[in-house]
Amino acid sequence: MITILIGLLLNALLVFIVAKLTPGINVKHYGAAIAVAFTYAALSWLFKGILVFLAFPLILVTFGLFHLVLNAFLLWVTDKILDSFEITSMKALAIGTVALTIGGAGVTLLVGH
């Protein structure tokens, strides 16, 4: 349980840093970054399995790079759900997706959940 909480807080910090460094991604405050991390994790937990199943041929053909498209979709849905999180352009969505995917993998390796 504590590792999940630590992972969530590290991902929230990652969201906050990515939002500060990427023009076009806005997080109003650190509490909003926690909400983004939680919402994104919940959406991923609920829908990622079915999305990967449906997109498996594309994932196979692109050697796994289509996962970035799925992550971008989930990040876009997170943007639409939360008022305190805003992505203003497709370029910002792409940069944010790549940064959060790589950073999230690092958090997973660090925390181990």
N, C-alpha and C. Protein backbone atom coordinates (compact mmCIF):
# COMPACT_ATOMS: atom_id res chain seq x y z
N MET A 1 0.82 -1.20 0.00
CA MET A 1 0.00 0.00 0.00
C MET A 1 0.87 1.26 0.00
N ILE A 2 1.92 1.25 0.78
CA ILE A 2 2.78 2.43 0.86
C ILE A 2 3.52 2.65 -0.46
N THR A 3 3.87 1.57 -1.16
CA THR A 3 4.57 1.75 -2.44
C THR A 3 3.64 2.36 -3.49
N ILE A 4 2.36 2.03 -3.42
CA ILE A 4 1.40 2.63 -4.35
C ILE A 4 1.28 4.12 -4.08
N LEU A 5 1.23 4.50 -2.81
CA LEU A 5 1.14 5.91 -2.44
C LEU A 5 2.40 6.67 -2.85
N ILE A 6 3.56 6.07 -2.63
CA ILE A 6 4.82 6.70 -3.03
C ILE A 6 4.87 6.86 -4.56
N GLY A 7 4.46 5.82 -5.27
CA GLY A 7 4.42 5.89 -6.73
C GLY A 7 3.48 6.97 -7.23
N LEU A 8 2.32 7.09 -6.59
CA LEU A 8 1.36 8.12 -6.97
C LEU A 8 1.93 9.52 -6.73
N LEU A 9 2.58 9.71 -5.59
CA LEU A 9 3.17 11.03 -5.29
C LEU A 9 4.32 11.35 -6.23
N LEU A 10 5.14 10.35 -6.56
CA LEU A 10 6.23 10.59 -7.52
C LEU A 10 5.69 10.91 -8.91
N ASN A 11 4.63 10.22 -9.30
CA ASN A 11 4.01 10.53 -10.59
C ASN A 11 3.38 11.92 -10.59
N ALA A 12 2.82 12.32 -9.46
CA ALA A 12 2.27 13.68 -9.34
C ALA A 12 3.39 14.71 -9.47
N LEU A 13 4.52 14.45 -8.84
CA LEU A 13 5.68 15.34 -8.98
C LEU A 13 6.14 15.39 -10.43
N LEU A 14 6.14 14.24 -11.09
CA LEU A 14 6.51 14.17 -12.50
C LEU A 14 5.54 14.99 -13.36
N VAL A 15 4.25 14.88 -13.10
CA VAL A 15 3.25 15.67 -13.83
C VAL A 15 3.51 17.16 -13.62
N PHE A 16 3.78 17.54 -12.38
CA PHE A 16 4.02 18.94 -12.05
C PHE A 16 5.26 19.47 -12.80
N ILE A 17 6.33 18.68 -12.81
CA ILE A 17 7.57 19.09 -13.49
C ILE A 17 7.36 19.18 -15.00
N VAL A 18 6.71 18.17 -15.57
CA VAL A 18 6.45 18.17 -17.02
C VAL A 18 5.58 19.37 -17.39
N ALA A 19 4.58 19.68 -16.56
CA ALA A 19 3.71 20.82 -16.84
C ALA A 19 4.49 22.14 -16.78
N LYS A 20 5.42 22.25 -15.86
CA LYS A 20 6.21 23.48 -15.75
C LYS A 20 7.20 23.63 -16.90
N LEU A 21 7.70 22.52 -17.43
CA LEU A 21 8.71 22.56 -18.49
C LEU A 21 8.13 22.55 -19.90
N THR A 22 6.87 22.16 -20.04
CA THR A 22 6.27 22.02 -21.37
C THR A 22 5.26 23.14 -21.61
N PRO A 23 5.53 23.99 -22.58
CA PRO A 23 4.54 25.01 -22.92
C PRO A 23 3.28 24.33 -23.47
N GLY A 24 2.13 24.74 -22.97
CA GLY A 24 0.88 24.15 -23.44
C GLY A 24 0.29 23.15 -22.48
N ILE A 25 1.00 22.80 -21.42
CA ILE A 25 0.44 21.94 -20.37
C ILE A 25 0.40 22.77 -19.10
N ASN A 26 -0.79 22.91 -18.54
CA ASN A 26 -0.98 23.74 -17.35
C ASN A 26 -1.60 22.93 -16.22
N VAL A 27 -0.96 22.99 -15.06
CA VAL A 27 -1.49 22.42 -13.83
C VAL A 27 -1.59 23.57 -12.84
N LYS A 28 -2.75 23.78 -12.27
CA LYS A 28 -2.96 24.97 -11.44
C LYS A 28 -2.16 24.94 -10.15
N HIS A 29 -2.00 23.78 -9.52
CA HIS A 29 -1.26 23.67 -8.27
C HIS A 29 -0.88 22.21 -8.05
N TYR A 30 -0.07 21.95 -7.01
CA TYR A 30 0.41 20.60 -6.80
C TYR A 30 -0.73 19.63 -6.48
N GLY A 31 -1.76 20.11 -5.81
CA GLY A 31 -2.92 19.25 -5.56
C GLY A 31 -3.58 18.80 -6.85
N ALA A 32 -3.58 19.66 -7.85
CA ALA A 32 -4.11 19.29 -9.16
C ALA A 32 -3.23 18.23 -9.80
N ALA A 33 -1.92 18.32 -9.59
CA ALA A 33 -1.02 17.31 -10.14
C ALA A 33 -1.29 15.94 -9.52
N ILE A 34 -1.61 15.93 -8.23
CA ILE A 34 -1.99 14.67 -7.57
C ILE A 34 -3.28 14.14 -8.18
N ALA A 35 -4.23 15.03 -8.44
CA ALA A 35 -5.50 14.61 -9.07
C ALA A 35 -5.25 14.07 -10.47
N VAL A 36 -4.34 14.69 -11.22
CA VAL A 36 -4.00 14.21 -12.56
C VAL A 36 -3.38 12.82 -12.47
N ALA A 37 -2.41 12.65 -11.56
CA ALA A 37 -1.75 11.35 -11.42
C ALA A 37 -2.77 10.27 -11.03
N PHE A 38 -3.66 10.58 -10.10
CA PHE A 38 -4.66 9.61 -9.67
C PHE A 38 -5.65 9.29 -10.79
N THR A 39 -6.14 10.32 -11.49
CA THR A 39 -7.11 10.11 -12.57
C THR A 39 -6.48 9.32 -13.71
N TYR A 40 -5.26 9.69 -14.08
CA TYR A 40 -4.57 8.98 -15.15
C TYR A 40 -4.34 7.51 -14.77
N ALA A 41 -3.94 7.28 -13.52
CA ALA A 41 -3.72 5.91 -13.05
C ALA A 41 -5.03 5.12 -13.05
N ALA A 42 -6.12 5.76 -12.61
CA ALA A 42 -7.42 5.09 -12.59
C ALA A 42 -7.89 4.75 -14.00
N LEU A 43 -7.75 5.71 -14.92
CA LEU A 43 -8.13 5.45 -16.31
C LEU A 43 -7.28 4.34 -16.92
N SER A 44 -6.01 4.38 -16.62
CA SER A 44 -5.11 3.35 -17.13
C SER A 44 -5.50 1.98 -16.57
N TRP A 45 -5.79 1.93 -15.29
CA TRP A 45 -6.17 0.67 -14.66
C TRP A 45 -7.49 0.15 -15.23
N LEU A 46 -8.43 1.05 -15.47
CA LEU A 46 -9.75 0.63 -15.96
C LEU A 46 -9.77 0.27 -17.44
N PHE A 47 -9.06 1.04 -18.27
CA PHE A 47 -9.24 0.92 -19.72
C PHE A 47 -8.02 0.45 -20.51
N LYS A 48 -6.84 0.51 -19.92
CA LYS A 48 -5.63 0.20 -20.69
C LYS A 48 -5.64 -1.24 -21.20
N GLY A 49 -6.10 -2.17 -20.38
CA GLY A 49 -6.13 -3.57 -20.79
C GLY A 49 -6.96 -3.80 -22.04
N ILE A 50 -8.16 -3.24 -22.05
CA ILE A 50 -9.04 -3.42 -23.20
C ILE A 50 -8.50 -2.67 -24.42
N LEU A 51 -7.90 -1.50 -24.20
CA LEU A 51 -7.33 -0.75 -25.31
C LEU A 51 -6.15 -1.50 -25.93
N VAL A 52 -5.31 -2.08 -25.08
CA VAL A 52 -4.17 -2.87 -25.58
C VAL A 52 -4.69 -4.10 -26.34
N PHE A 53 -5.72 -4.73 -25.82
CA PHE A 53 -6.29 -5.89 -26.50
C PHE A 53 -6.82 -5.52 -27.89
N LEU A 54 -7.56 -4.40 -27.95
CA LEU A 54 -8.13 -3.98 -29.23
C LEU A 54 -7.07 -3.49 -30.22
N ALA A 55 -6.01 -2.89 -29.68
CA ALA A 55 -4.97 -2.32 -30.55
C ALA A 55 -3.78 -3.25 -30.73
N PHE A 56 -3.89 -4.49 -30.29
CA PHE A 56 -2.74 -5.39 -30.32
C PHE A 56 -2.09 -5.52 -31.69
N PRO A 57 -2.84 -5.63 -32.78
CA PRO A 57 -2.17 -5.70 -34.09
C PRO A 57 -1.32 -4.46 -34.38
N LEU A 58 -1.83 -3.29 -34.03
CA LEU A 58 -1.05 -2.06 -34.25
C LEU A 58 0.17 -2.00 -33.34
N ILE A 59 0.02 -2.47 -32.12
CA ILE A 59 1.15 -2.51 -31.19
C ILE A 59 2.22 -3.44 -31.73
N LEU A 60 1.80 -4.57 -32.28
CA LEU A 60 2.74 -5.53 -32.84
C LEU A 60 3.48 -4.97 -34.05
N VAL A 61 2.74 -4.35 -34.95
CA VAL A 61 3.33 -3.80 -36.18
C VAL A 61 4.29 -2.65 -35.89
N THR A 62 3.98 -1.85 -34.87
CA THR A 62 4.83 -0.70 -34.55
C THR A 62 5.87 -1.02 -33.47
N PHE A 63 6.03 -2.30 -33.17
CA PHE A 63 7.00 -2.75 -32.17
C PHE A 63 6.78 -2.06 -30.82
N GLY A 64 5.53 -1.87 -30.45
CA GLY A 64 5.18 -1.32 -29.14
C GLY A 64 5.02 0.19 -29.09
N LEU A 65 5.38 0.89 -30.15
CA LEU A 65 5.28 2.35 -30.13
C LEU A 65 3.84 2.85 -30.08
N PHE A 66 2.90 2.01 -30.48
CA PHE A 66 1.50 2.42 -30.43
C PHE A 66 1.02 2.62 -29.00
N HIS A 67 1.77 2.09 -28.03
CA HIS A 67 1.46 2.34 -26.62
C HIS A 67 1.46 3.84 -26.34
N LEU A 68 2.32 4.58 -27.02
CA LEU A 68 2.36 6.03 -26.84
C LEU A 68 1.03 6.68 -27.27
N VAL A 69 0.44 6.16 -28.32
CA VAL A 69 -0.86 6.68 -28.77
C VAL A 69 -1.93 6.39 -27.72
N LEU A 70 -1.89 5.20 -27.15
CA LEU A 70 -2.85 4.86 -26.10
C LEU A 70 -2.65 5.75 -24.87
N ASN A 71 -1.40 5.97 -24.49
CA ASN A 71 -1.10 6.85 -23.36
C ASN A 71 -1.54 8.28 -23.65
N ALA A 72 -1.35 8.73 -24.89
CA ALA A 72 -1.78 10.08 -25.26
C ALA A 72 -3.31 10.19 -25.16
N PHE A 73 -4.00 9.16 -25.58
CA PHE A 73 -5.46 9.16 -25.48
C PHE A 73 -5.90 9.25 -24.02
N LEU A 74 -5.27 8.47 -23.15
CA LEU A 74 -5.63 8.50 -21.73
C LEU A 74 -5.29 9.85 -21.10
N LEU A 75 -4.19 10.46 -21.51
CA LEU A 75 -3.83 11.78 -21.00
C LEU A 75 -4.82 12.82 -21.49
N TRP A 76 -5.27 12.71 -22.73
CA TRP A 76 -6.27 13.62 -23.28
C TRP A 76 -7.59 13.48 -22.52
N VAL A 77 -8.00 12.25 -22.22
CA VAL A 77 -9.23 12.03 -21.45
C VAL A 77 -9.08 12.63 -20.04
N THR A 78 -7.89 12.48 -19.45
CA THR A 78 -7.63 13.09 -18.15
C THR A 78 -7.80 14.61 -18.22
N ASP A 79 -7.31 15.20 -19.29
CA ASP A 79 -7.47 16.64 -19.51
C ASP A 79 -8.94 17.02 -19.58
N LYS A 80 -9.74 16.22 -20.24
CA LYS A 80 -11.16 16.53 -20.40
C LYS A 80 -11.93 16.34 -19.09
N ILE A 81 -11.48 15.46 -18.23
CA ILE A 81 -12.17 15.19 -16.96
C ILE A 81 -11.88 16.28 -15.93
N LEU A 82 -10.63 16.72 -15.85
CA LEU A 82 -10.22 17.65 -14.79
C LEU A 82 -10.16 19.09 -15.29
N ASP A 83 -10.77 19.99 -14.55
CA ASP A 83 -10.72 21.41 -14.90
C ASP A 83 -9.38 22.04 -14.52
N SER A 84 -8.69 21.47 -13.56
CA SER A 84 -7.44 22.07 -13.08
C SER A 84 -6.22 21.62 -13.89
N PHE A 85 -6.46 20.87 -14.95
CA PHE A 85 -5.40 20.37 -15.82
C PHE A 85 -5.78 20.70 -17.25
N GLU A 86 -4.84 21.29 -17.99
CA GLU A 86 -5.17 21.73 -19.35
C GLU A 86 -4.02 21.44 -20.30
N ILE A 87 -4.35 20.85 -21.43
CA ILE A 87 -3.40 20.66 -22.53
C ILE A 87 -3.94 21.45 -23.70
N THR A 88 -3.14 22.41 -24.18
CA THR A 88 -3.67 23.37 -25.16
C THR A 88 -3.36 23.02 -26.62
N SER A 89 -2.44 22.08 -26.86
CA SER A 89 -2.12 21.77 -28.25
C SER A 89 -1.74 20.30 -28.40
N MET A 90 -1.78 19.85 -29.64
CA MET A 90 -1.39 18.48 -29.94
C MET A 90 0.10 18.27 -29.68
N LYS A 91 0.90 19.30 -29.96
CA LYS A 91 2.34 19.22 -29.71
C LYS A 91 2.60 19.05 -28.21
N ALA A 92 1.90 19.81 -27.38
CA ALA A 92 2.06 19.68 -25.93
C ALA A 92 1.62 18.29 -25.47
N LEU A 93 0.55 17.77 -26.05
CA LEU A 93 0.09 16.42 -25.72
C LEU A 93 1.15 15.39 -26.07
N ALA A 94 1.76 15.52 -27.23
CA ALA A 94 2.79 14.57 -27.67
C ALA A 94 4.01 14.64 -26.75
N ILE A 95 4.49 15.85 -26.47
CA ILE A 95 5.66 16.00 -25.61
C ILE A 95 5.35 15.49 -24.20
N GLY A 96 4.19 15.86 -23.68
CA GLY A 96 3.79 15.41 -22.35
C GLY A 96 3.64 13.90 -22.26
N THR A 97 3.09 13.30 -23.30
CA THR A 97 2.92 11.85 -23.32
C THR A 97 4.27 11.14 -23.27
N VAL A 98 5.19 11.57 -24.11
CA VAL A 98 6.51 10.94 -24.14
C VAL A 98 7.21 11.12 -22.79
N ALA A 99 7.18 12.34 -22.26
CA ALA A 99 7.85 12.61 -20.99
C ALA A 99 7.23 11.82 -19.84
N LEU A 100 5.90 11.78 -19.78
CA LEU A 100 5.25 11.05 -18.70
C LEU A 100 5.38 9.54 -18.85
N THR A 101 5.43 9.05 -20.07
CA THR A 101 5.62 7.62 -20.28
C THR A 101 7.01 7.18 -19.84
N ILE A 102 8.02 7.93 -20.26
CA ILE A 102 9.39 7.59 -19.86
C ILE A 102 9.58 7.79 -18.37
N GLY A 103 9.10 8.92 -17.85
CA GLY A 103 9.21 9.18 -16.42
C GLY A 103 8.43 8.18 -15.59
N GLY A 104 7.25 7.81 -16.06
CA GLY A 104 6.44 6.81 -15.35
C GLY A 104 7.11 5.45 -15.30
N ALA A 105 7.80 5.09 -16.38
CA ALA A 105 8.56 3.84 -16.38
C ALA A 105 9.68 3.92 -15.35
N GLY A 106 10.32 5.09 -15.26
CA GLY A 106 11.37 5.27 -14.26
C GLY A 106 10.82 5.17 -12.84
N VAL A 107 9.65 5.76 -12.61
CA VAL A 107 9.02 5.66 -11.28
C VAL A 107 8.69 4.21 -10.97
N THR A 108 8.18 3.48 -11.94
CA THR A 108 7.86 2.06 -11.73
C THR A 108 9.11 1.27 -11.39
N LEU A 109 10.21 1.53 -12.09
CA LEU A 109 11.46 0.85 -11.78
C LEU A 109 11.98 1.23 -10.40
N LEU A 110 11.81 2.48 -10.03
CA LEU A 110 12.29 2.97 -8.75
C LEU A 110 11.48 2.41 -7.59
N VAL A 111 10.17 2.47 -7.71
CA VAL A 111 9.28 2.04 -6.63
C VAL A 111 9.03 0.54 -6.68
N GLY A 112 8.90 0.03 -7.89
CA GLY A 112 8.72 -1.41 -8.06
C GLY A 112 7.31 -1.91 -7.87
N HIS A 113 6.31 -1.15 -8.33
CA HIS A 113 4.93 -1.66 -8.23
C HIS A 113 4.36 -1.93 -9.57
